[in-house]
Amino acid sequence: MPEEDFHENHYTDFMLRYLIRLADNGAEMDVTLNVSGTTISGRLIGNVTYMEEVKRRLKSEDSALEEKMENFLDKMMHKFAKHTDADEYETGYIHLRNAKIVDSKRVVPIRGNLWRGKASDVNGFSFGSIEVKQEEQDRFK
């Protein structure tokens, strides 16, 4: 197997890419991201876990559409599971559970609480999730 140069991709932080790989292999952790000036906080999860959760939450009154979406997600999960074992495979996306947008006045949960974004759009990150105490939230009302 060729030795990998983690600094080769100049568009994505090599450490963030490594954390995404860890998540793709089952290691979840809380992170806070800065994406084009927006702060997003949540639990870093792998791509297969993300697809499983999307599938579980996806319900439609149109059974044909729901079946097509489930088939698509099953194929994607199979593809991701197959390629996750290959060390050189990267999706280029980051996935969060319990995602929330943080601004100067409040924490805004994302409806459905799943978030997916391009790893190359992340300007910075830190470990841990931002939590605002209720009394702090009340102060800005």
N, C-alpha and C. Protein backbone atom coordinates (compact mmCIF):
# COMPACT_ATOMS: atom_id res chain seq x y z
N MET A 1 0.85 -1.18 0.00
CA MET A 1 0.00 0.00 0.00
C MET A 1 0.89 1.24 0.00
N PRO A 2 0.63 2.21 -0.89
CA PRO A 2 1.47 3.40 -0.96
C PRO A 2 1.31 4.25 0.30
N GLU A 3 2.42 4.89 0.68
CA GLU A 3 2.36 5.77 1.85
C GLU A 3 1.57 7.02 1.49
N GLU A 4 0.70 7.42 2.39
CA GLU A 4 -0.18 8.55 2.12
C GLU A 4 0.42 9.85 2.64
N ASP A 5 0.28 10.90 1.88
CA ASP A 5 0.70 12.21 2.31
C ASP A 5 -0.56 12.96 2.75
N PHE A 6 -0.75 13.09 4.07
CA PHE A 6 -1.95 13.75 4.59
C PHE A 6 -2.00 15.22 4.21
N HIS A 7 -0.90 15.80 3.83
CA HIS A 7 -0.88 17.22 3.46
C HIS A 7 -1.14 17.42 1.97
N GLU A 8 -1.38 16.34 1.25
CA GLU A 8 -1.56 16.42 -0.19
C GLU A 8 -2.78 17.24 -0.58
N ASN A 9 -3.90 17.09 0.13
CA ASN A 9 -5.11 17.83 -0.17
C ASN A 9 -5.02 19.19 0.50
N HIS A 10 -4.83 20.24 -0.27
CA HIS A 10 -4.64 21.57 0.28
C HIS A 10 -5.95 22.27 0.61
N TYR A 11 -7.08 21.62 0.32
CA TYR A 11 -8.38 22.23 0.54
C TYR A 11 -9.05 21.80 1.84
N THR A 12 -8.56 20.74 2.47
CA THR A 12 -9.15 20.22 3.68
C THR A 12 -8.05 19.96 4.70
N ASP A 13 -8.28 20.38 5.92
CA ASP A 13 -7.34 20.16 7.00
C ASP A 13 -7.07 18.66 7.16
N PHE A 14 -5.80 18.27 7.21
CA PHE A 14 -5.46 16.84 7.29
C PHE A 14 -5.97 16.22 8.58
N MET A 15 -5.97 16.99 9.67
CA MET A 15 -6.47 16.44 10.93
C MET A 15 -7.98 16.21 10.88
N LEU A 16 -8.70 17.14 10.27
CA LEU A 16 -10.15 16.97 10.11
C LEU A 16 -10.45 15.74 9.25
N ARG A 17 -9.69 15.56 8.18
CA ARG A 17 -9.88 14.38 7.33
C ARG A 17 -9.66 13.10 8.12
N TYR A 18 -8.67 13.10 8.98
CA TYR A 18 -8.39 11.92 9.80
C TYR A 18 -9.52 11.66 10.78
N LEU A 19 -10.07 12.71 11.40
CA LEU A 19 -11.21 12.55 12.31
C LEU A 19 -12.42 12.00 11.58
N ILE A 20 -12.63 12.45 10.34
CA ILE A 20 -13.75 11.93 9.54
C ILE A 20 -13.54 10.44 9.27
N ARG A 21 -12.32 10.05 8.97
CA ARG A 21 -12.02 8.62 8.77
C ARG A 21 -12.30 7.81 10.04
N LEU A 22 -11.90 8.36 11.18
CA LEU A 22 -12.18 7.68 12.44
C LEU A 22 -13.68 7.51 12.63
N ALA A 23 -14.45 8.56 12.34
CA ALA A 23 -15.91 8.48 12.47
C ALA A 23 -16.47 7.45 11.48
N ASP A 24 -15.93 7.42 10.27
CA ASP A 24 -16.39 6.44 9.29
C ASP A 24 -16.15 5.01 9.76
N ASN A 25 -15.21 4.85 10.68
CA ASN A 25 -14.91 3.53 11.23
C ASN A 25 -15.50 3.35 12.63
N GLY A 26 -16.45 4.20 13.01
CA GLY A 26 -17.22 3.99 14.22
C GLY A 26 -16.87 4.85 15.42
N ALA A 27 -15.84 5.68 15.34
CA ALA A 27 -15.45 6.53 16.48
C ALA A 27 -16.20 7.86 16.39
N GLU A 28 -17.17 8.06 17.25
CA GLU A 28 -17.94 9.31 17.26
C GLU A 28 -17.37 10.26 18.30
N MET A 29 -17.48 11.56 18.02
CA MET A 29 -17.00 12.56 18.97
C MET A 29 -17.72 13.88 18.73
N ASP A 30 -17.80 14.70 19.77
CA ASP A 30 -18.41 16.02 19.65
C ASP A 30 -17.40 16.99 19.05
N VAL A 31 -17.88 17.79 18.10
CA VAL A 31 -17.03 18.80 17.46
C VAL A 31 -17.83 20.08 17.24
N THR A 32 -17.12 21.17 17.08
CA THR A 32 -17.70 22.44 16.71
C THR A 32 -16.95 22.92 15.48
N LEU A 33 -17.70 23.25 14.44
CA LEU A 33 -17.12 23.63 13.16
C LEU A 33 -17.41 25.09 12.85
N ASN A 34 -16.50 25.73 12.14
CA ASN A 34 -16.76 27.03 11.55
C ASN A 34 -16.82 26.80 10.05
N VAL A 35 -17.99 27.08 9.48
CA VAL A 35 -18.21 26.88 8.05
C VAL A 35 -18.64 28.21 7.44
N SER A 36 -17.73 28.85 6.76
CA SER A 36 -18.00 30.14 6.11
C SER A 36 -18.62 31.15 7.08
N GLY A 37 -18.09 31.21 8.29
CA GLY A 37 -18.57 32.18 9.27
C GLY A 37 -19.71 31.69 10.15
N THR A 38 -20.25 30.53 9.87
CA THR A 38 -21.33 29.96 10.67
C THR A 38 -20.75 28.90 11.59
N THR A 39 -21.14 28.92 12.85
CA THR A 39 -20.68 27.93 13.81
C THR A 39 -21.72 26.82 13.91
N ILE A 40 -21.28 25.59 13.69
CA ILE A 40 -22.16 24.42 13.75
C ILE A 40 -21.53 23.44 14.72
N SER A 41 -22.33 22.94 15.64
CA SER A 41 -21.84 22.07 16.68
C SER A 41 -22.66 20.79 16.70
N GLY A 42 -22.02 19.67 16.99
CA GLY A 42 -22.75 18.40 17.05
C GLY A 42 -21.82 17.22 17.22
N ARG A 43 -22.36 16.05 17.03
CA ARG A 43 -21.62 14.79 17.19
C ARG A 43 -21.18 14.30 15.82
N LEU A 44 -19.86 14.20 15.61
CA LEU A 44 -19.30 13.70 14.36
C LEU A 44 -19.62 12.22 14.23
N ILE A 45 -20.27 11.84 13.13
CA ILE A 45 -20.62 10.44 12.87
C ILE A 45 -20.13 10.05 11.49
N GLY A 46 -20.03 8.76 11.25
CA GLY A 46 -19.58 8.25 9.96
C GLY A 46 -20.67 8.30 8.90
N ASN A 47 -20.24 8.11 7.66
CA ASN A 47 -21.20 8.19 6.55
C ASN A 47 -22.22 7.06 6.56
N VAL A 48 -21.87 5.85 6.97
CA VAL A 48 -22.84 4.76 7.02
C VAL A 48 -23.87 5.05 8.11
N THR A 49 -23.41 5.50 9.27
CA THR A 49 -24.32 5.86 10.36
C THR A 49 -25.26 6.96 9.92
N TYR A 50 -24.73 7.96 9.21
CA TYR A 50 -25.56 9.06 8.71
C TYR A 50 -26.65 8.53 7.79
N MET A 51 -26.28 7.67 6.84
CA MET A 51 -27.27 7.12 5.91
C MET A 51 -28.31 6.27 6.64
N GLU A 52 -27.90 5.50 7.63
CA GLU A 52 -28.84 4.69 8.41
C GLU A 52 -29.85 5.59 9.13
N GLU A 53 -29.36 6.68 9.69
CA GLU A 53 -30.26 7.58 10.40
C GLU A 53 -31.19 8.34 9.46
N VAL A 54 -30.69 8.72 8.29
CA VAL A 54 -31.55 9.36 7.29
C VAL A 54 -32.65 8.38 6.89
N LYS A 55 -32.27 7.15 6.63
CA LYS A 55 -33.24 6.13 6.21
C LYS A 55 -34.29 5.92 7.30
N ARG A 56 -33.85 5.86 8.54
CA ARG A 56 -34.78 5.63 9.65
C ARG A 56 -35.76 6.79 9.81
N ARG A 57 -35.32 8.00 9.53
CA ARG A 57 -36.15 9.19 9.72
C ARG A 57 -37.00 9.53 8.50
N LEU A 58 -36.64 8.94 7.37
CA LEU A 58 -37.32 9.28 6.13
C LEU A 58 -38.65 8.53 6.01
N LYS A 59 -39.68 9.26 6.07
CA LYS A 59 -41.01 8.67 5.89
C LYS A 59 -41.76 9.54 4.90
N SER A 60 -42.49 8.89 4.02
CA SER A 60 -43.22 9.62 3.00
C SER A 60 -44.60 9.01 2.86
N GLU A 61 -45.55 9.84 2.53
CA GLU A 61 -46.89 9.31 2.27
C GLU A 61 -46.93 8.64 0.90
N ASP A 62 -45.96 8.92 0.07
CA ASP A 62 -45.85 8.30 -1.24
C ASP A 62 -44.98 7.05 -1.08
N SER A 63 -45.60 5.88 -1.03
CA SER A 63 -44.86 4.64 -0.75
C SER A 63 -43.85 4.32 -1.87
N ALA A 64 -44.16 4.70 -3.11
CA ALA A 64 -43.22 4.45 -4.21
C ALA A 64 -41.96 5.31 -4.02
N LEU A 65 -42.14 6.56 -3.64
CA LEU A 65 -41.00 7.44 -3.39
C LEU A 65 -40.19 6.94 -2.20
N GLU A 66 -40.88 6.54 -1.14
CA GLU A 66 -40.19 6.03 0.06
C GLU A 66 -39.36 4.80 -0.29
N GLU A 67 -39.92 3.91 -1.11
CA GLU A 67 -39.20 2.69 -1.51
C GLU A 67 -37.97 3.04 -2.35
N LYS A 68 -38.10 3.99 -3.26
CA LYS A 68 -36.96 4.42 -4.08
C LYS A 68 -35.86 5.03 -3.22
N MET A 69 -36.26 5.86 -2.26
CA MET A 69 -35.27 6.48 -1.37
C MET A 69 -34.58 5.41 -0.51
N GLU A 70 -35.34 4.46 0.00
CA GLU A 70 -34.74 3.39 0.81
C GLU A 70 -33.76 2.57 -0.02
N ASN A 71 -34.12 2.26 -1.26
CA ASN A 71 -33.22 1.51 -2.15
C ASN A 71 -31.94 2.30 -2.41
N PHE A 72 -32.09 3.60 -2.68
CA PHE A 72 -30.93 4.45 -2.91
C PHE A 72 -30.03 4.47 -1.68
N LEU A 73 -30.61 4.68 -0.50
CA LEU A 73 -29.82 4.76 0.72
C LEU A 73 -29.16 3.42 1.03
N ASP A 74 -29.85 2.31 0.77
CA ASP A 74 -29.24 0.99 0.96
C ASP A 74 -28.00 0.83 0.07
N LYS A 75 -28.11 1.25 -1.19
CA LYS A 75 -26.97 1.16 -2.11
C LYS A 75 -25.81 2.03 -1.63
N MET A 76 -26.13 3.24 -1.16
CA MET A 76 -25.09 4.14 -0.67
C MET A 76 -24.42 3.57 0.58
N MET A 77 -25.22 3.02 1.50
CA MET A 77 -24.65 2.43 2.71
C MET A 77 -23.72 1.27 2.36
N HIS A 78 -24.15 0.45 1.40
CA HIS A 78 -23.32 -0.68 0.98
C HIS A 78 -22.00 -0.18 0.37
N LYS A 79 -22.10 0.84 -0.47
CA LYS A 79 -20.90 1.42 -1.10
C LYS A 79 -19.97 1.98 -0.03
N PHE A 80 -20.51 2.76 0.90
CA PHE A 80 -19.67 3.35 1.94
C PHE A 80 -19.06 2.29 2.82
N ALA A 81 -19.85 1.28 3.21
CA ALA A 81 -19.33 0.21 4.07
C ALA A 81 -18.19 -0.53 3.37
N LYS A 82 -18.36 -0.79 2.07
CA LYS A 82 -17.34 -1.49 1.30
C LYS A 82 -16.05 -0.68 1.20
N HIS A 83 -16.19 0.62 0.96
CA HIS A 83 -15.01 1.46 0.73
C HIS A 83 -14.39 1.98 2.03
N THR A 84 -15.13 1.97 3.12
CA THR A 84 -14.58 2.46 4.38
C THR A 84 -13.38 1.64 4.81
N ASP A 85 -13.37 0.37 4.45
CA ASP A 85 -12.25 -0.50 4.81
C ASP A 85 -10.98 -0.13 4.05
N ALA A 86 -11.12 0.53 2.93
CA ALA A 86 -9.95 0.94 2.15
C ALA A 86 -9.43 2.26 2.72
N ASP A 87 -8.22 2.25 3.23
CA ASP A 87 -7.66 3.42 3.91
C ASP A 87 -7.62 4.67 3.05
N GLU A 88 -7.50 4.52 1.75
CA GLU A 88 -7.36 5.70 0.90
C GLU A 88 -8.70 6.32 0.52
N TYR A 89 -9.81 5.70 0.91
CA TYR A 89 -11.13 6.20 0.52
C TYR A 89 -11.58 7.35 1.41
N GLU A 90 -12.00 8.43 0.79
CA GLU A 90 -12.57 9.57 1.50
C GLU A 90 -13.79 10.06 0.73
N THR A 91 -14.86 10.34 1.47
CA THR A 91 -16.07 10.83 0.81
C THR A 91 -16.00 12.32 0.52
N GLY A 92 -15.22 13.04 1.33
CA GLY A 92 -15.15 14.50 1.17
C GLY A 92 -16.26 15.21 1.92
N TYR A 93 -17.06 14.48 2.69
CA TYR A 93 -18.17 15.06 3.45
C TYR A 93 -18.02 14.76 4.93
N ILE A 94 -18.59 15.65 5.72
CA ILE A 94 -18.60 15.50 7.17
C ILE A 94 -20.06 15.41 7.62
N HIS A 95 -20.32 14.56 8.60
CA HIS A 95 -21.70 14.31 9.05
C HIS A 95 -21.81 14.53 10.55
N LEU A 96 -22.87 15.23 10.95
CA LEU A 96 -23.11 15.49 12.37
C LEU A 96 -24.50 15.02 12.77
N ARG A 97 -24.58 14.50 13.99
CA ARG A 97 -25.87 14.19 14.64
C ARG A 97 -26.03 15.21 15.77
N ASN A 98 -27.26 15.47 16.15
CA ASN A 98 -27.56 16.48 17.19
C ASN A 98 -26.94 17.82 16.81
N ALA A 99 -27.03 18.14 15.53
CA ALA A 99 -26.42 19.36 15.01
C ALA A 99 -27.23 20.59 15.40
N LYS A 100 -26.49 21.66 15.66
CA LYS A 100 -27.13 22.92 15.98
C LYS A 100 -26.26 24.06 15.46
N ILE A 101 -26.92 25.12 15.06
CA ILE A 101 -26.23 26.33 14.62
C ILE A 101 -26.15 27.25 15.82
N VAL A 102 -24.97 27.81 16.02
CA VAL A 102 -24.74 28.66 17.19
C VAL A 102 -24.50 30.08 16.68
N ASP A 103 -25.28 31.03 17.22
CA ASP A 103 -24.97 32.42 16.91
C ASP A 103 -24.72 33.14 18.23
N SER A 104 -24.55 34.43 18.18
CA SER A 104 -24.15 35.17 19.39
C SER A 104 -25.26 35.23 20.43
N LYS A 105 -26.48 34.89 20.05
CA LYS A 105 -27.59 35.01 20.99
C LYS A 105 -28.21 33.69 21.41
N ARG A 106 -28.01 32.64 20.63
CA ARG A 106 -28.70 31.39 20.96
C ARG A 106 -28.12 30.21 20.20
N VAL A 107 -28.55 29.03 20.62
CA VAL A 107 -28.25 27.79 19.92
C VAL A 107 -29.53 27.38 19.21
N VAL A 108 -29.44 27.17 17.90
CA VAL A 108 -30.62 26.82 17.12
C VAL A 108 -30.48 25.37 16.65
N PRO A 109 -31.29 24.46 17.22
CA PRO A 109 -31.22 23.07 16.76
C PRO A 109 -31.66 22.97 15.31
N ILE A 110 -31.04 22.09 14.58
CA ILE A 110 -31.42 21.85 13.19
C ILE A 110 -32.55 20.84 13.18
N ARG A 111 -33.62 21.15 12.50
CA ARG A 111 -34.77 20.24 12.44
C ARG A 111 -34.30 18.90 11.87
N GLY A 112 -34.61 17.83 12.57
CA GLY A 112 -34.15 16.51 12.16
C GLY A 112 -32.78 16.20 12.71
N ASN A 113 -32.10 17.14 13.21
CA ASN A 113 -30.80 17.18 13.87
C ASN A 113 -29.64 16.49 13.15
N LEU A 114 -29.79 16.17 11.88
CA LEU A 114 -28.67 15.64 11.09
C LEU A 114 -28.16 16.74 10.17
N TRP A 115 -26.86 16.79 9.99
CA TRP A 115 -26.24 17.79 9.12
C TRP A 115 -25.14 17.12 8.31
N ARG A 116 -25.04 17.50 7.04
CA ARG A 116 -24.00 16.99 6.14
C ARG A 116 -23.42 18.17 5.38
N GLY A 117 -22.11 18.26 5.33
CA GLY A 117 -21.47 19.35 4.61
C GLY A 117 -20.16 18.90 3.99
N LYS A 118 -19.66 19.72 3.07
CA LYS A 118 -18.38 19.41 2.43
C LYS A 118 -17.25 19.70 3.41
N ALA A 119 -16.39 18.73 3.59
CA ALA A 119 -15.25 18.90 4.50
C ALA A 119 -14.37 20.06 4.05
N SER A 120 -14.27 20.28 2.75
CA SER A 120 -13.41 21.36 2.24
C SER A 120 -13.97 22.75 2.55
N ASP A 121 -15.25 22.83 2.97
CA ASP A 121 -15.85 24.12 3.33
C ASP A 121 -15.64 24.48 4.79
N VAL A 122 -15.08 23.57 5.57
CA VAL A 122 -14.84 23.83 6.99
C VAL A 122 -13.58 24.68 7.13
N ASN A 123 -13.75 25.87 7.74
CA ASN A 123 -12.63 26.79 7.92
C ASN A 123 -11.83 26.50 9.18
N GLY A 124 -12.49 25.90 10.17
CA GLY A 124 -11.82 25.59 11.43
C GLY A 124 -12.72 24.70 12.26
N PHE A 125 -12.13 24.06 13.27
CA PHE A 125 -12.92 23.18 14.14
C PHE A 125 -12.28 23.11 15.51
N SER A 126 -13.08 22.67 16.46
CA SER A 126 -12.55 22.40 17.80
C SER A 126 -13.26 21.15 18.33
N PHE A 127 -12.65 20.54 19.31
CA PHE A 127 -13.23 19.36 19.93
C PHE A 127 -14.27 19.81 20.94
N GLY A 128 -15.34 19.08 21.05
CA GLY A 128 -16.40 19.40 21.99
C GLY A 128 -17.54 20.12 21.31
N SER A 129 -18.69 20.05 21.94
CA SER A 129 -19.90 20.66 21.41
C SER A 129 -20.25 21.88 22.26
N ILE A 130 -20.73 22.93 21.63
CA ILE A 130 -21.12 24.14 22.36
C ILE A 130 -22.50 23.93 22.97
N GLU A 131 -22.60 24.23 24.23
CA GLU A 131 -23.88 24.18 24.93
C GLU A 131 -24.09 25.54 25.58
N VAL A 132 -25.28 26.08 25.44
CA VAL A 132 -25.63 27.34 26.10
C VAL A 132 -26.63 27.02 27.19
N LYS A 133 -26.31 27.44 28.41
CA LYS A 133 -27.21 27.20 29.54
C LYS A 133 -28.53 27.93 29.32
N GLN A 134 -29.61 27.39 29.86
CA GLN A 134 -30.94 27.97 29.68
C GLN A 134 -30.98 29.43 30.15
N GLU A 135 -30.34 29.73 31.27
CA GLU A 135 -30.39 31.11 31.77
C GLU A 135 -29.68 32.06 30.81
N GLU A 136 -28.67 31.60 30.11
CA GLU A 136 -28.00 32.42 29.11
C GLU A 136 -28.92 32.64 27.91
N GLN A 137 -29.64 31.60 27.50
CA GLN A 137 -30.59 31.75 26.39
C GLN A 137 -31.70 32.72 26.78
N ASP A 138 -32.19 32.62 28.01
CA ASP A 138 -33.27 33.50 28.48
C ASP A 138 -32.83 34.96 28.49
N ARG A 139 -31.55 35.20 28.74
CA ARG A 139 -31.02 36.55 28.81
C ARG A 139 -31.20 37.31 27.50
N PHE A 140 -31.22 36.60 26.38
CA PHE A 140 -31.30 37.24 25.06
C PHE A 140 -32.72 37.34 24.52
N LYS A 141 -33.68 36.89 25.27
CA LYS A 141 -35.09 36.94 24.79
C LYS A 141 -35.64 38.33 24.92
